[in-house]
Amino acid sequence: MPQTLLIIEDEPELVRVLRSYLEQAGFSVLSAGRGDTGLSTWEHKRPDLVILDLNLPGMDGLDVAREIRRKSSTPIIMLTARVEEADQLIGLELGADDYIAKPFSPRIVVARIRALLRRSETAPAQSQVLRIGDLEIELDAHRVQRLGIPIDLTPTEFNLLATLAAQPGRAYTRLQLLEASQGTAYEGYERTIDAHIKNLRAKIETDPKKPRLVETVFGIGYRFAREQG
């Protein structure tokens, strides 16, 4: 079965172009021109990925992202004409996995979607489990638990955690983490890692304001602590 994508975008011509490219790439495509109807479509159809504009009638794209993320880890790619970095970071902090600034090449969108879907798929392989302190990270099942209680991570958050936890003590630059979590590294996008790390810490740290697992390496990036306790 083809994977299903939902485009929530109020520019009909842009939707038409994206639909054409995505259907040629083998995807099934749904669309909505308003934020509220887009959220309703997501709730009823549960697509594999959402392509979400920020400026929408009916319901703002940030509110749509917030509602989706409150209920699910469905991958989200934001489309934005907003040039302010703060707007982009707010979207990422709400749980979006990636963003693409308008104008853009539809081929780039297709490539980014494929990369994100690859990251979110469970790859059948030899079972690999990382146990660090009271955290258990099942790499093949894309599952994280603390003391048997599941922790719901987005695909990007999971890949960041798996990358860092696999080599405790190793410092990663933001660009290295971007490549590890997104599959490719895009110049100018390194700072998006900070938003994803903030979200990850909120879910796995006892006190996110005083992180003991994911440490900041000033002037470089981040590392996973060698010792837990």
N, C-alpha and C. Protein backbone atom coordinates (compact mmCIF):
# COMPACT_ATOMS: atom_id res chain seq x y z
N MET A 1 0.84 -1.19 0.00
CA MET A 1 0.00 0.00 0.00
C MET A 1 0.88 1.25 0.00
N PRO A 2 0.51 2.25 -0.83
CA PRO A 2 1.31 3.49 -0.82
C PRO A 2 1.13 4.23 0.49
N GLN A 3 2.18 4.92 0.90
CA GLN A 3 2.08 5.73 2.11
C GLN A 3 1.22 6.96 1.82
N THR A 4 0.46 7.39 2.82
CA THR A 4 -0.48 8.49 2.65
C THR A 4 0.07 9.76 3.29
N LEU A 5 0.04 10.85 2.53
CA LEU A 5 0.50 12.15 3.00
C LEU A 5 -0.69 13.10 3.05
N LEU A 6 -0.70 13.97 4.04
CA LEU A 6 -1.74 15.00 4.15
C LEU A 6 -1.09 16.37 4.00
N ILE A 7 -1.53 17.13 3.00
CA ILE A 7 -1.07 18.50 2.79
C ILE A 7 -2.12 19.44 3.37
N ILE A 8 -1.74 20.25 4.35
CA ILE A 8 -2.63 21.27 4.90
C ILE A 8 -2.06 22.62 4.47
N GLU A 9 -2.65 23.18 3.43
CA GLU A 9 -2.10 24.36 2.74
C GLU A 9 -3.25 25.08 2.03
N ASP A 10 -3.28 26.41 2.13
CA ASP A 10 -4.40 27.17 1.57
C ASP A 10 -4.11 27.78 0.21
N GLU A 11 -2.95 27.48 -0.38
CA GLU A 11 -2.66 27.96 -1.74
C GLU A 11 -2.95 26.84 -2.73
N PRO A 12 -4.07 26.89 -3.45
CA PRO A 12 -4.48 25.79 -4.34
C PRO A 12 -3.42 25.40 -5.37
N GLU A 13 -2.73 26.39 -5.94
CA GLU A 13 -1.73 26.06 -6.97
C GLU A 13 -0.55 25.30 -6.37
N LEU A 14 -0.14 25.70 -5.17
CA LEU A 14 0.95 25.00 -4.50
C LEU A 14 0.54 23.57 -4.17
N VAL A 15 -0.69 23.40 -3.72
CA VAL A 15 -1.19 22.06 -3.43
C VAL A 15 -1.20 21.21 -4.69
N ARG A 16 -1.65 21.82 -5.80
CA ARG A 16 -1.71 21.09 -7.08
C ARG A 16 -0.33 20.62 -7.50
N VAL A 17 0.67 21.50 -7.41
CA VAL A 17 2.03 21.14 -7.81
C VAL A 17 2.60 20.06 -6.89
N LEU A 18 2.44 20.24 -5.57
CA LEU A 18 2.95 19.25 -4.63
C LEU A 18 2.27 17.89 -4.84
N ARG A 19 0.95 17.92 -5.03
CA ARG A 19 0.22 16.66 -5.24
C ARG A 19 0.77 15.93 -6.47
N SER A 20 1.00 16.67 -7.55
CA SER A 20 1.50 16.06 -8.77
C SER A 20 2.85 15.38 -8.54
N TYR A 21 3.78 16.09 -7.89
CA TYR A 21 5.11 15.53 -7.64
C TYR A 21 5.03 14.33 -6.69
N LEU A 22 4.22 14.46 -5.66
CA LEU A 22 4.15 13.39 -4.66
C LEU A 22 3.47 12.15 -5.20
N GLU A 23 2.44 12.33 -6.01
CA GLU A 23 1.77 11.16 -6.60
C GLU A 23 2.69 10.48 -7.61
N GLN A 24 3.47 11.27 -8.35
CA GLN A 24 4.45 10.68 -9.27
C GLN A 24 5.51 9.89 -8.49
N ALA A 25 5.77 10.31 -7.26
CA ALA A 25 6.75 9.61 -6.42
C ALA A 25 6.16 8.38 -5.74
N GLY A 26 4.87 8.13 -5.96
CA GLY A 26 4.25 6.91 -5.45
C GLY A 26 3.45 7.06 -4.17
N PHE A 27 3.21 8.30 -3.73
CA PHE A 27 2.46 8.53 -2.51
C PHE A 27 0.97 8.72 -2.81
N SER A 28 0.14 8.39 -1.83
CA SER A 28 -1.27 8.75 -1.86
C SER A 28 -1.40 10.08 -1.13
N VAL A 29 -2.14 11.04 -1.70
CA VAL A 29 -2.15 12.40 -1.18
C VAL A 29 -3.55 12.85 -0.81
N LEU A 30 -3.70 13.36 0.42
CA LEU A 30 -4.90 14.03 0.88
C LEU A 30 -4.56 15.51 1.05
N SER A 31 -5.58 16.37 1.01
CA SER A 31 -5.29 17.80 1.20
C SER A 31 -6.45 18.49 1.89
N ALA A 32 -6.13 19.60 2.54
CA ALA A 32 -7.12 20.45 3.19
C ALA A 32 -6.62 21.88 3.10
N GLY A 33 -7.55 22.81 2.90
CA GLY A 33 -7.18 24.20 2.71
C GLY A 33 -7.32 25.06 3.95
N ARG A 34 -7.75 24.46 5.05
CA ARG A 34 -7.92 25.18 6.31
C ARG A 34 -7.29 24.37 7.44
N GLY A 35 -6.88 25.08 8.49
CA GLY A 35 -6.27 24.38 9.61
C GLY A 35 -7.24 23.47 10.33
N ASP A 36 -8.46 23.94 10.57
CA ASP A 36 -9.43 23.12 11.30
C ASP A 36 -9.86 21.90 10.51
N THR A 37 -10.10 22.06 9.20
CA THR A 37 -10.48 20.89 8.40
C THR A 37 -9.30 19.95 8.21
N GLY A 38 -8.08 20.52 8.17
CA GLY A 38 -6.89 19.68 8.07
C GLY A 38 -6.72 18.81 9.30
N LEU A 39 -6.96 19.40 10.48
CA LEU A 39 -6.85 18.63 11.72
C LEU A 39 -7.90 17.53 11.76
N SER A 40 -9.12 17.85 11.30
CA SER A 40 -10.18 16.84 11.25
C SER A 40 -9.82 15.71 10.31
N THR A 41 -9.25 16.06 9.15
CA THR A 41 -8.83 15.03 8.19
C THR A 41 -7.76 14.14 8.80
N TRP A 42 -6.80 14.76 9.50
CA TRP A 42 -5.75 13.96 10.16
C TRP A 42 -6.36 13.01 11.18
N GLU A 43 -7.30 13.49 11.97
CA GLU A 43 -7.91 12.65 13.01
C GLU A 43 -8.64 11.45 12.42
N HIS A 44 -9.28 11.63 11.26
CA HIS A 44 -10.08 10.55 10.67
C HIS A 44 -9.27 9.63 9.78
N LYS A 45 -8.24 10.17 9.11
CA LYS A 45 -7.48 9.38 8.13
C LYS A 45 -6.14 8.87 8.66
N ARG A 46 -5.58 9.54 9.66
CA ARG A 46 -4.28 9.18 10.24
C ARG A 46 -3.23 8.88 9.15
N PRO A 47 -2.84 9.91 8.39
CA PRO A 47 -1.84 9.74 7.34
C PRO A 47 -0.47 9.40 7.93
N ASP A 48 0.45 8.98 7.06
CA ASP A 48 1.80 8.62 7.50
C ASP A 48 2.66 9.85 7.78
N LEU A 49 2.29 11.00 7.17
CA LEU A 49 3.08 12.22 7.35
C LEU A 49 2.20 13.41 7.02
N VAL A 50 2.43 14.53 7.70
CA VAL A 50 1.68 15.77 7.45
C VAL A 50 2.63 16.85 6.95
N ILE A 51 2.22 17.50 5.85
CA ILE A 51 2.92 18.68 5.33
C ILE A 51 2.05 19.87 5.70
N LEU A 52 2.55 20.74 6.56
CA LEU A 52 1.71 21.72 7.23
C LEU A 52 2.20 23.14 7.02
N ASP A 53 1.33 23.98 6.43
CA ASP A 53 1.64 25.41 6.32
C ASP A 53 1.39 26.07 7.66
N LEU A 54 2.13 27.13 7.98
CA LEU A 54 1.92 27.81 9.25
C LEU A 54 0.79 28.83 9.18
N ASN A 55 0.67 29.54 8.05
CA ASN A 55 -0.36 30.57 7.91
C ASN A 55 -1.59 29.98 7.26
N LEU A 56 -2.60 29.67 8.08
CA LEU A 56 -3.80 28.99 7.59
C LEU A 56 -5.06 29.67 8.10
N PRO A 57 -6.12 29.68 7.30
CA PRO A 57 -7.41 30.13 7.82
C PRO A 57 -8.04 29.05 8.70
N GLY A 58 -8.93 29.47 9.57
CA GLY A 58 -9.65 28.51 10.39
C GLY A 58 -8.93 28.12 11.66
N MET A 59 -7.65 27.83 11.54
CA MET A 59 -6.84 27.43 12.69
C MET A 59 -5.38 27.58 12.30
N ASP A 60 -4.61 28.27 13.11
CA ASP A 60 -3.20 28.51 12.79
C ASP A 60 -2.42 27.20 12.74
N GLY A 61 -1.43 27.16 11.84
CA GLY A 61 -0.64 25.95 11.68
C GLY A 61 0.07 25.51 12.94
N LEU A 62 0.50 26.46 13.77
CA LEU A 62 1.14 26.09 15.02
C LEU A 62 0.17 25.38 15.95
N ASP A 63 -1.09 25.83 15.95
CA ASP A 63 -2.10 25.17 16.78
C ASP A 63 -2.41 23.77 16.26
N VAL A 64 -2.41 23.62 14.94
CA VAL A 64 -2.62 22.30 14.34
C VAL A 64 -1.49 21.36 14.76
N ALA A 65 -0.25 21.85 14.65
CA ALA A 65 0.90 21.03 15.05
C ALA A 65 0.82 20.64 16.51
N ARG A 66 0.40 21.58 17.35
CA ARG A 66 0.29 21.32 18.79
C ARG A 66 -0.73 20.20 19.06
N GLU A 67 -1.86 20.25 18.37
CA GLU A 67 -2.90 19.24 18.57
C GLU A 67 -2.47 17.87 18.06
N ILE A 68 -1.82 17.85 16.90
CA ILE A 68 -1.34 16.57 16.37
C ILE A 68 -0.33 15.95 17.32
N ARG A 69 0.61 16.77 17.77
CA ARG A 69 1.66 16.23 18.61
C ARG A 69 1.16 15.82 19.99
N ARG A 70 0.07 16.45 20.43
CA ARG A 70 -0.50 16.08 21.73
C ARG A 70 -1.05 14.65 21.69
N LYS A 71 -1.45 14.19 20.50
CA LYS A 71 -2.10 12.89 20.38
C LYS A 71 -1.26 11.85 19.67
N SER A 72 -0.20 12.26 18.97
CA SER A 72 0.49 11.32 18.10
C SER A 72 1.91 11.78 17.80
N SER A 73 2.73 10.85 17.31
CA SER A 73 4.09 11.18 16.85
C SER A 73 4.16 11.20 15.33
N THR A 74 3.01 11.39 14.66
CA THR A 74 2.99 11.49 13.20
C THR A 74 4.05 12.48 12.73
N PRO A 75 4.92 12.11 11.80
CA PRO A 75 5.92 13.06 11.30
C PRO A 75 5.27 14.31 10.69
N ILE A 76 5.83 15.47 10.99
CA ILE A 76 5.31 16.75 10.49
C ILE A 76 6.44 17.53 9.83
N ILE A 77 6.18 17.98 8.60
CA ILE A 77 7.08 18.92 7.93
C ILE A 77 6.31 20.23 7.78
N MET A 78 6.86 21.31 8.30
CA MET A 78 6.23 22.61 8.19
C MET A 78 6.66 23.32 6.92
N LEU A 79 5.71 23.96 6.27
CA LEU A 79 5.99 24.87 5.16
C LEU A 79 5.77 26.28 5.69
N THR A 80 6.73 27.15 5.51
CA THR A 80 6.58 28.48 6.07
C THR A 80 7.17 29.56 5.19
N ALA A 81 6.41 30.66 5.07
CA ALA A 81 6.93 31.85 4.42
C ALA A 81 7.43 32.83 5.46
N ARG A 82 7.28 32.49 6.73
CA ARG A 82 7.75 33.34 7.82
C ARG A 82 9.27 33.24 7.90
N VAL A 83 9.92 34.35 7.79
CA VAL A 83 11.39 34.33 7.75
C VAL A 83 12.00 34.41 9.14
N GLU A 84 11.19 34.80 10.13
CA GLU A 84 11.75 34.95 11.48
C GLU A 84 12.12 33.58 12.04
N GLU A 85 13.35 33.46 12.54
CA GLU A 85 13.82 32.19 13.10
C GLU A 85 12.96 31.77 14.28
N ALA A 86 12.44 32.75 15.04
CA ALA A 86 11.63 32.43 16.21
C ALA A 86 10.40 31.63 15.82
N ASP A 87 9.75 31.98 14.71
CA ASP A 87 8.57 31.25 14.27
C ASP A 87 8.91 29.81 13.93
N GLN A 88 10.03 29.64 13.25
CA GLN A 88 10.45 28.29 12.86
C GLN A 88 10.78 27.46 14.11
N LEU A 89 11.45 28.06 15.08
CA LEU A 89 11.82 27.33 16.29
C LEU A 89 10.59 27.00 17.13
N ILE A 90 9.61 27.89 17.14
CA ILE A 90 8.37 27.58 17.88
C ILE A 90 7.73 26.33 17.30
N GLY A 91 7.67 26.25 15.98
CA GLY A 91 7.11 25.07 15.34
C GLY A 91 7.87 23.81 15.69
N LEU A 92 9.17 23.88 15.71
CA LEU A 92 9.99 22.72 16.06
C LEU A 92 9.81 22.36 17.52
N GLU A 93 9.70 23.36 18.38
CA GLU A 93 9.51 23.09 19.80
C GLU A 93 8.14 22.47 20.08
N LEU A 94 7.17 22.72 19.19
CA LEU A 94 5.87 22.08 19.33
C LEU A 94 5.90 20.63 18.88
N GLY A 95 7.01 20.23 18.23
CA GLY A 95 7.15 18.83 17.87
C GLY A 95 7.24 18.55 16.38
N ALA A 96 7.26 19.59 15.53
CA ALA A 96 7.47 19.35 14.10
C ALA A 96 8.87 18.77 13.89
N ASP A 97 9.00 17.90 12.90
CA ASP A 97 10.28 17.23 12.66
C ASP A 97 11.20 18.00 11.74
N ASP A 98 10.62 18.83 10.88
CA ASP A 98 11.45 19.52 9.89
C ASP A 98 10.66 20.73 9.41
N TYR A 99 11.35 21.68 8.78
CA TYR A 99 10.64 22.78 8.14
C TYR A 99 11.32 23.12 6.82
N ILE A 100 10.51 23.63 5.89
CA ILE A 100 11.00 24.04 4.59
C ILE A 100 10.46 25.44 4.32
N ALA A 101 11.36 26.38 4.03
CA ALA A 101 10.96 27.76 3.80
C ALA A 101 10.53 27.97 2.34
N LYS A 102 9.45 28.71 2.16
CA LYS A 102 8.99 29.08 0.82
C LYS A 102 9.83 30.24 0.30
N PRO A 103 10.05 30.31 -1.03
CA PRO A 103 9.72 29.31 -2.05
C PRO A 103 10.69 28.13 -2.00
N PHE A 104 10.26 27.00 -2.54
CA PHE A 104 11.08 25.80 -2.49
C PHE A 104 10.87 24.99 -3.75
N SER A 105 11.78 24.06 -3.98
CA SER A 105 11.65 23.13 -5.09
C SER A 105 10.82 21.93 -4.64
N PRO A 106 9.78 21.56 -5.40
CA PRO A 106 9.01 20.36 -5.03
C PRO A 106 9.88 19.11 -4.92
N ARG A 107 10.94 19.04 -5.70
CA ARG A 107 11.84 17.88 -5.62
C ARG A 107 12.51 17.81 -4.25
N ILE A 108 12.84 18.98 -3.70
CA ILE A 108 13.44 19.02 -2.36
C ILE A 108 12.43 18.51 -1.34
N VAL A 109 11.17 18.91 -1.49
CA VAL A 109 10.14 18.45 -0.57
C VAL A 109 10.02 16.93 -0.62
N VAL A 110 10.01 16.36 -1.82
CA VAL A 110 9.91 14.91 -1.98
C VAL A 110 11.09 14.23 -1.28
N ALA A 111 12.30 14.77 -1.48
CA ALA A 111 13.49 14.17 -0.87
C ALA A 111 13.42 14.23 0.65
N ARG A 112 12.97 15.36 1.18
CA ARG A 112 12.89 15.51 2.63
C ARG A 112 11.82 14.59 3.22
N ILE A 113 10.71 14.43 2.51
CA ILE A 113 9.65 13.52 2.97
C ILE A 113 10.17 12.10 3.01
N ARG A 114 10.85 11.68 1.96
CA ARG A 114 11.38 10.31 1.94
C ARG A 114 12.37 10.08 3.07
N ALA A 115 13.23 11.07 3.32
CA ALA A 115 14.21 10.94 4.40
C ALA A 115 13.52 10.83 5.75
N LEU A 116 12.48 11.64 5.98
CA LEU A 116 11.77 11.62 7.25
C LEU A 116 11.01 10.31 7.44
N LEU A 117 10.38 9.82 6.38
CA LEU A 117 9.65 8.56 6.48
C LEU A 117 10.60 7.39 6.72
N ARG A 118 11.79 7.43 6.12
CA ARG A 118 12.77 6.37 6.38
C ARG A 118 13.14 6.35 7.86
N ARG A 119 13.30 7.55 8.45
CA ARG A 119 13.69 7.62 9.85
C ARG A 119 12.58 7.12 10.76
N SER A 120 11.33 7.31 10.35
CA SER A 120 10.22 6.97 11.22
C SER A 120 9.79 5.52 11.11
N GLU A 121 10.30 4.81 10.09
CA GLU A 121 9.92 3.42 9.92
C GLU A 121 10.69 2.53 10.88
N THR A 122 10.05 1.48 11.32
CA THR A 122 10.72 0.47 12.12
C THR A 122 11.45 -0.48 11.20
N ALA A 123 12.75 -0.57 11.34
CA ALA A 123 13.55 -1.42 10.46
C ALA A 123 13.73 -2.79 11.10
N PRO A 124 13.19 -3.84 10.47
CA PRO A 124 13.42 -5.17 11.04
C PRO A 124 14.89 -5.54 10.96
N ALA A 125 15.45 -5.86 12.09
CA ALA A 125 16.87 -6.18 12.14
C ALA A 125 17.12 -6.95 13.42
N GLN A 126 18.38 -7.34 13.60
CA GLN A 126 18.73 -8.00 14.85
C GLN A 126 18.42 -7.06 16.01
N SER A 127 17.78 -7.60 17.04
CA SER A 127 17.36 -6.77 18.16
C SER A 127 18.55 -6.07 18.80
N GLN A 128 18.42 -4.76 18.98
CA GLN A 128 19.45 -3.98 19.64
C GLN A 128 18.79 -3.15 20.72
N VAL A 129 19.24 -3.30 21.94
CA VAL A 129 18.67 -2.57 23.06
C VAL A 129 19.80 -1.89 23.83
N LEU A 130 19.65 -0.58 24.03
CA LEU A 130 20.59 0.16 24.86
C LEU A 130 19.95 0.36 26.22
N ARG A 131 20.65 -0.01 27.27
CA ARG A 131 20.17 0.21 28.64
C ARG A 131 21.15 1.14 29.33
N ILE A 132 20.67 2.32 29.64
CA ILE A 132 21.50 3.35 30.25
C ILE A 132 20.75 3.91 31.45
N GLY A 133 21.26 3.61 32.65
CA GLY A 133 20.53 4.01 33.84
C GLY A 133 19.18 3.31 33.85
N ASP A 134 18.11 4.08 34.04
CA ASP A 134 16.77 3.49 34.02
C ASP A 134 16.09 3.62 32.67
N LEU A 135 16.86 4.04 31.65
CA LEU A 135 16.33 4.14 30.29
C LEU A 135 16.60 2.86 29.51
N GLU A 136 15.62 2.43 28.74
CA GLU A 136 15.80 1.31 27.83
C GLU A 136 15.40 1.77 26.43
N ILE A 137 16.35 1.70 25.49
CA ILE A 137 16.14 2.18 24.13
C ILE A 137 16.19 1.00 23.18
N GLU A 138 15.06 0.65 22.59
CA GLU A 138 14.99 -0.46 21.64
C GLU A 138 15.17 0.12 20.23
N LEU A 139 16.35 -0.09 19.66
CA LEU A 139 16.68 0.55 18.40
C LEU A 139 15.85 0.03 17.23
N ASP A 140 15.62 -1.29 17.19
CA ASP A 140 14.88 -1.83 16.05
C ASP A 140 13.39 -1.52 16.14
N ALA A 141 12.86 -1.39 17.34
CA ALA A 141 11.43 -1.13 17.52
C ALA A 141 11.11 0.37 17.65
N HIS A 142 12.16 1.21 17.66
CA HIS A 142 11.97 2.66 17.84
C HIS A 142 11.12 2.91 19.09
N ARG A 143 11.55 2.31 20.21
CA ARG A 143 10.78 2.40 21.44
C ARG A 143 11.70 2.76 22.59
N VAL A 144 11.22 3.64 23.47
CA VAL A 144 11.98 4.06 24.63
C VAL A 144 11.10 3.89 25.87
N GLN A 145 11.68 3.33 26.93
CA GLN A 145 10.96 3.15 28.18
C GLN A 145 11.83 3.57 29.36
N ARG A 146 11.18 4.04 30.40
CA ARG A 146 11.86 4.27 31.67
C ARG A 146 11.10 3.48 32.73
N LEU A 147 11.80 2.52 33.33
CA LEU A 147 11.19 1.66 34.35
C LEU A 147 9.89 1.04 33.85
N GLY A 148 9.90 0.65 32.57
CA GLY A 148 8.76 -0.02 31.98
C GLY A 148 7.68 0.90 31.47
N ILE A 149 7.82 2.21 31.68
CA ILE A 149 6.82 3.18 31.23
C ILE A 149 7.27 3.76 29.89
N PRO A 150 6.45 3.63 28.81
CA PRO A 150 6.84 4.14 27.50
C PRO A 150 7.02 5.66 27.49
N ILE A 151 7.99 6.11 26.72
CA ILE A 151 8.21 7.54 26.48
C ILE A 151 7.98 7.78 24.99
N ASP A 152 7.02 8.63 24.66
CA ASP A 152 6.63 8.86 23.27
C ASP A 152 7.54 9.91 22.63
N LEU A 153 8.39 9.49 21.69
CA LEU A 153 9.30 10.40 21.00
C LEU A 153 8.93 10.51 19.53
N THR A 154 9.16 11.68 18.94
CA THR A 154 9.02 11.82 17.49
C THR A 154 10.19 11.10 16.82
N PRO A 155 10.09 10.82 15.51
CA PRO A 155 11.21 10.17 14.82
C PRO A 155 12.53 10.92 14.98
N THR A 156 12.49 12.24 14.90
CA THR A 156 13.71 13.03 15.04
C THR A 156 14.28 12.93 16.44
N GLU A 157 13.41 13.02 17.44
CA GLU A 157 13.87 12.90 18.83
C GLU A 157 14.48 11.53 19.09
N PHE A 158 13.83 10.48 18.56
CA PHE A 158 14.36 9.13 18.77
C PHE A 158 15.74 8.99 18.14
N ASN A 159 15.90 9.47 16.93
CA ASN A 159 17.19 9.34 16.26
C ASN A 159 18.28 10.14 16.95
N LEU A 160 17.94 11.29 17.49
CA LEU A 160 18.92 12.05 18.27
C LEU A 160 19.34 11.27 19.51
N LEU A 161 18.36 10.73 20.23
CA LEU A 161 18.67 9.97 21.44
C LEU A 161 19.50 8.74 21.12
N ALA A 162 19.12 8.01 20.08
CA ALA A 162 19.86 6.79 19.71
C ALA A 162 21.29 7.12 19.31
N THR A 163 21.48 8.22 18.59
CA THR A 163 22.82 8.62 18.16
C THR A 163 23.69 8.98 19.37
N LEU A 164 23.15 9.80 20.26
CA LEU A 164 23.92 10.24 21.42
C LEU A 164 24.18 9.10 22.39
N ALA A 165 23.15 8.29 22.67
CA ALA A 165 23.28 7.24 23.68
C ALA A 165 24.17 6.09 23.22
N ALA A 166 24.32 5.93 21.91
CA ALA A 166 25.15 4.83 21.40
C ALA A 166 26.63 5.04 21.74
N GLN A 167 27.03 6.30 21.93
CA GLN A 167 28.43 6.60 22.26
C GLN A 167 28.49 7.63 23.39
N PRO A 168 28.19 7.22 24.61
CA PRO A 168 28.24 8.16 25.73
C PRO A 168 29.61 8.82 25.84
N GLY A 169 29.61 10.10 26.12
CA GLY A 169 30.86 10.84 26.27
C GLY A 169 31.36 11.48 25.00
N ARG A 170 30.86 11.03 23.86
CA ARG A 170 31.30 11.63 22.59
C ARG A 170 30.53 12.92 22.33
N ALA A 171 31.27 13.98 22.03
CA ALA A 171 30.65 15.26 21.71
C ALA A 171 30.32 15.32 20.22
N TYR A 172 29.08 15.67 19.92
CA TYR A 172 28.62 15.82 18.53
C TYR A 172 28.35 17.29 18.25
N THR A 173 28.78 17.76 17.09
CA THR A 173 28.40 19.10 16.67
C THR A 173 26.93 19.09 16.25
N ARG A 174 26.35 20.26 16.17
CA ARG A 174 24.96 20.35 15.71
C ARG A 174 24.82 19.82 14.29
N LEU A 175 25.81 20.09 13.44
CA LEU A 175 25.73 19.63 12.06
C LEU A 175 25.79 18.10 12.00
N GLN A 176 26.63 17.50 12.84
CA GLN A 176 26.69 16.03 12.88
C GLN A 176 25.37 15.43 13.36
N LEU A 177 24.75 16.05 14.35
CA LEU A 177 23.47 15.56 14.85
C LEU A 177 22.36 15.78 13.83
N LEU A 178 22.44 16.88 13.09
CA LEU A 178 21.46 17.13 12.04
C LEU A 178 21.53 16.05 10.98
N GLU A 179 22.75 15.69 10.59
CA GLU A 179 22.91 14.65 9.58
C GLU A 179 22.46 13.30 10.11
N ALA A 180 22.76 13.02 11.38
CA ALA A 180 22.37 11.73 11.96
C ALA A 180 20.86 11.61 12.12
N SER A 181 20.20 12.72 12.46
CA SER A 181 18.76 12.66 12.73
C SER A 181 17.90 12.92 11.51
N GLN A 182 18.40 13.71 10.55
CA GLN A 182 17.61 14.06 9.37
C GLN A 182 18.03 13.26 8.14
N GLY A 183 19.16 12.60 8.21
CA GLY A 183 19.64 11.85 7.05
C GLY A 183 20.51 12.68 6.14
N THR A 184 20.35 14.00 6.19
CA THR A 184 21.18 14.93 5.43
C THR A 184 21.37 16.17 6.28
N ALA A 185 22.40 16.95 5.98
CA ALA A 185 22.66 18.17 6.73
C ALA A 185 22.48 19.37 5.82
N TYR A 186 21.64 20.30 6.22
CA TYR A 186 21.37 21.49 5.44
C TYR A 186 21.95 22.70 6.15
N GLU A 187 22.80 23.43 5.46
CA GLU A 187 23.41 24.61 6.06
C GLU A 187 22.32 25.59 6.49
N GLY A 188 22.51 26.17 7.64
CA GLY A 188 21.53 27.11 8.16
C GLY A 188 20.46 26.45 9.00
N TYR A 189 20.44 25.12 9.03
CA TYR A 189 19.43 24.40 9.81
C TYR A 189 20.01 23.83 11.11
N GLU A 190 21.31 24.07 11.37
CA GLU A 190 21.92 23.44 12.54
C GLU A 190 21.22 23.81 13.84
N ARG A 191 20.75 25.06 13.94
CA ARG A 191 20.14 25.53 15.19
C ARG A 191 18.81 24.84 15.48
N THR A 192 18.22 24.18 14.48
CA THR A 192 16.98 23.46 14.75
C THR A 192 17.23 22.32 15.73
N ILE A 193 18.47 21.83 15.78
CA ILE A 193 18.80 20.76 16.71
C ILE A 193 18.54 21.20 18.15
N ASP A 194 18.78 22.48 18.46
CA ASP A 194 18.55 22.97 19.82
C ASP A 194 17.09 22.78 20.23
N ALA A 195 16.17 23.04 19.31
CA ALA A 195 14.75 22.87 19.62
C ALA A 195 14.41 21.41 19.86
N HIS A 196 14.97 20.51 19.04
CA HIS A 196 14.70 19.09 19.22
C HIS A 196 15.32 18.57 20.53
N ILE A 197 16.51 19.06 20.86
CA ILE A 197 17.15 18.66 22.13
C ILE A 197 16.31 19.15 23.31
N LYS A 198 15.77 20.35 23.21
CA LYS A 198 14.91 20.87 24.28
C LYS A 198 13.71 19.95 24.48
N ASN A 199 13.08 19.53 23.38
CA ASN A 199 11.93 18.62 23.47
C ASN A 199 12.34 17.28 24.05
N LEU A 200 13.48 16.77 23.60
CA LEU A 200 13.95 15.47 24.08
C LEU A 200 14.23 15.52 25.59
N ARG A 201 14.89 16.57 26.04
CA ARG A 201 15.17 16.70 27.47
C ARG A 201 13.88 16.76 28.29
N ALA A 202 12.86 17.44 27.75
CA ALA A 202 11.59 17.55 28.48
C ALA A 202 10.96 16.18 28.70
N LYS A 203 11.30 15.22 27.84
CA LYS A 203 10.69 13.90 27.94
C LYS A 203 11.53 12.88 28.71
N ILE A 204 12.85 13.04 28.70
CA ILE A 204 13.69 12.00 29.32
C ILE A 204 14.43 12.45 30.57
N GLU A 205 14.53 13.75 30.79
CA GLU A 205 15.27 14.24 31.95
C GLU A 205 14.35 14.37 33.17
N THR A 206 14.87 14.07 34.36
CA THR A 206 14.12 14.29 35.59
C THR A 206 13.85 15.77 35.79
N ASP A 207 14.86 16.59 35.53
CA ASP A 207 14.73 18.05 35.58
C ASP A 207 15.33 18.61 34.30
N PRO A 208 14.49 18.92 33.29
CA PRO A 208 15.02 19.40 32.01
C PRO A 208 15.88 20.66 32.12
N LYS A 209 15.66 21.46 33.17
CA LYS A 209 16.46 22.67 33.34
C LYS A 209 17.86 22.37 33.87
N LYS A 210 18.02 21.17 34.44
CA LYS A 210 19.33 20.71 34.91
C LYS A 210 19.59 19.32 34.34
N PRO A 211 19.82 19.25 33.02
CA PRO A 211 19.94 17.94 32.37
C PRO A 211 21.14 17.15 32.85
N ARG A 212 20.91 15.85 33.10
CA ARG A 212 21.99 14.96 33.53
C ARG A 212 22.28 13.89 32.50
N LEU A 213 21.42 13.77 31.50
CA LEU A 213 21.62 12.76 30.45
C LEU A 213 22.21 13.40 29.20
N VAL A 214 21.48 14.33 28.60
CA VAL A 214 21.97 15.01 27.40
C VAL A 214 22.63 16.32 27.83
N GLU A 215 23.95 16.33 27.75
CA GLU A 215 24.73 17.47 28.22
C GLU A 215 25.09 18.41 27.07
N THR A 216 25.13 19.68 27.38
CA THR A 216 25.59 20.68 26.42
C THR A 216 27.11 20.76 26.46
N VAL A 217 27.73 20.72 25.29
CA VAL A 217 29.18 20.93 25.19
C VAL A 217 29.36 22.31 24.59
N PHE A 218 29.66 23.28 25.40
CA PHE A 218 29.66 24.66 24.97
C PHE A 218 30.66 24.90 23.84
N GLY A 219 30.18 25.59 22.81
CA GLY A 219 31.00 25.87 21.65
C GLY A 219 31.06 24.74 20.65
N ILE A 220 30.45 23.59 20.98
CA ILE A 220 30.49 22.45 20.07
C ILE A 220 29.08 21.93 19.78
N GLY A 221 28.41 21.37 20.79
CA GLY A 221 27.10 20.79 20.56
C GLY A 221 26.60 20.06 21.79
N TYR A 222 26.45 18.72 21.66
CA TYR A 222 25.86 17.93 22.75
C TYR A 222 26.55 16.58 22.87
N ARG A 223 26.40 15.97 24.05
CA ARG A 223 26.88 14.61 24.27
C ARG A 223 25.97 13.93 25.30
N PHE A 224 25.99 12.61 25.30
CA PHE A 224 25.28 11.83 26.30
C PHE A 224 26.24 11.55 27.45
N ALA A 225 25.78 11.74 28.67
CA ALA A 225 26.65 11.59 29.83
C ALA A 225 27.20 10.17 29.93
N ARG A 226 28.45 10.04 30.35
CA ARG A 226 29.07 8.73 30.49
C ARG A 226 28.46 7.94 31.64
N GLU A 227 28.18 8.61 32.75
CA GLU A 227 27.68 7.93 33.93
C GLU A 227 26.31 8.48 34.30
N GLN A 228 25.42 7.59 34.69
CA GLN A 228 24.08 7.99 35.11
C GLN A 228 23.96 7.74 36.60
N GLY A 229 23.11 8.50 37.23
CA GLY A 229 22.89 8.28 38.64
C GLY A 229 22.65 9.53 39.40
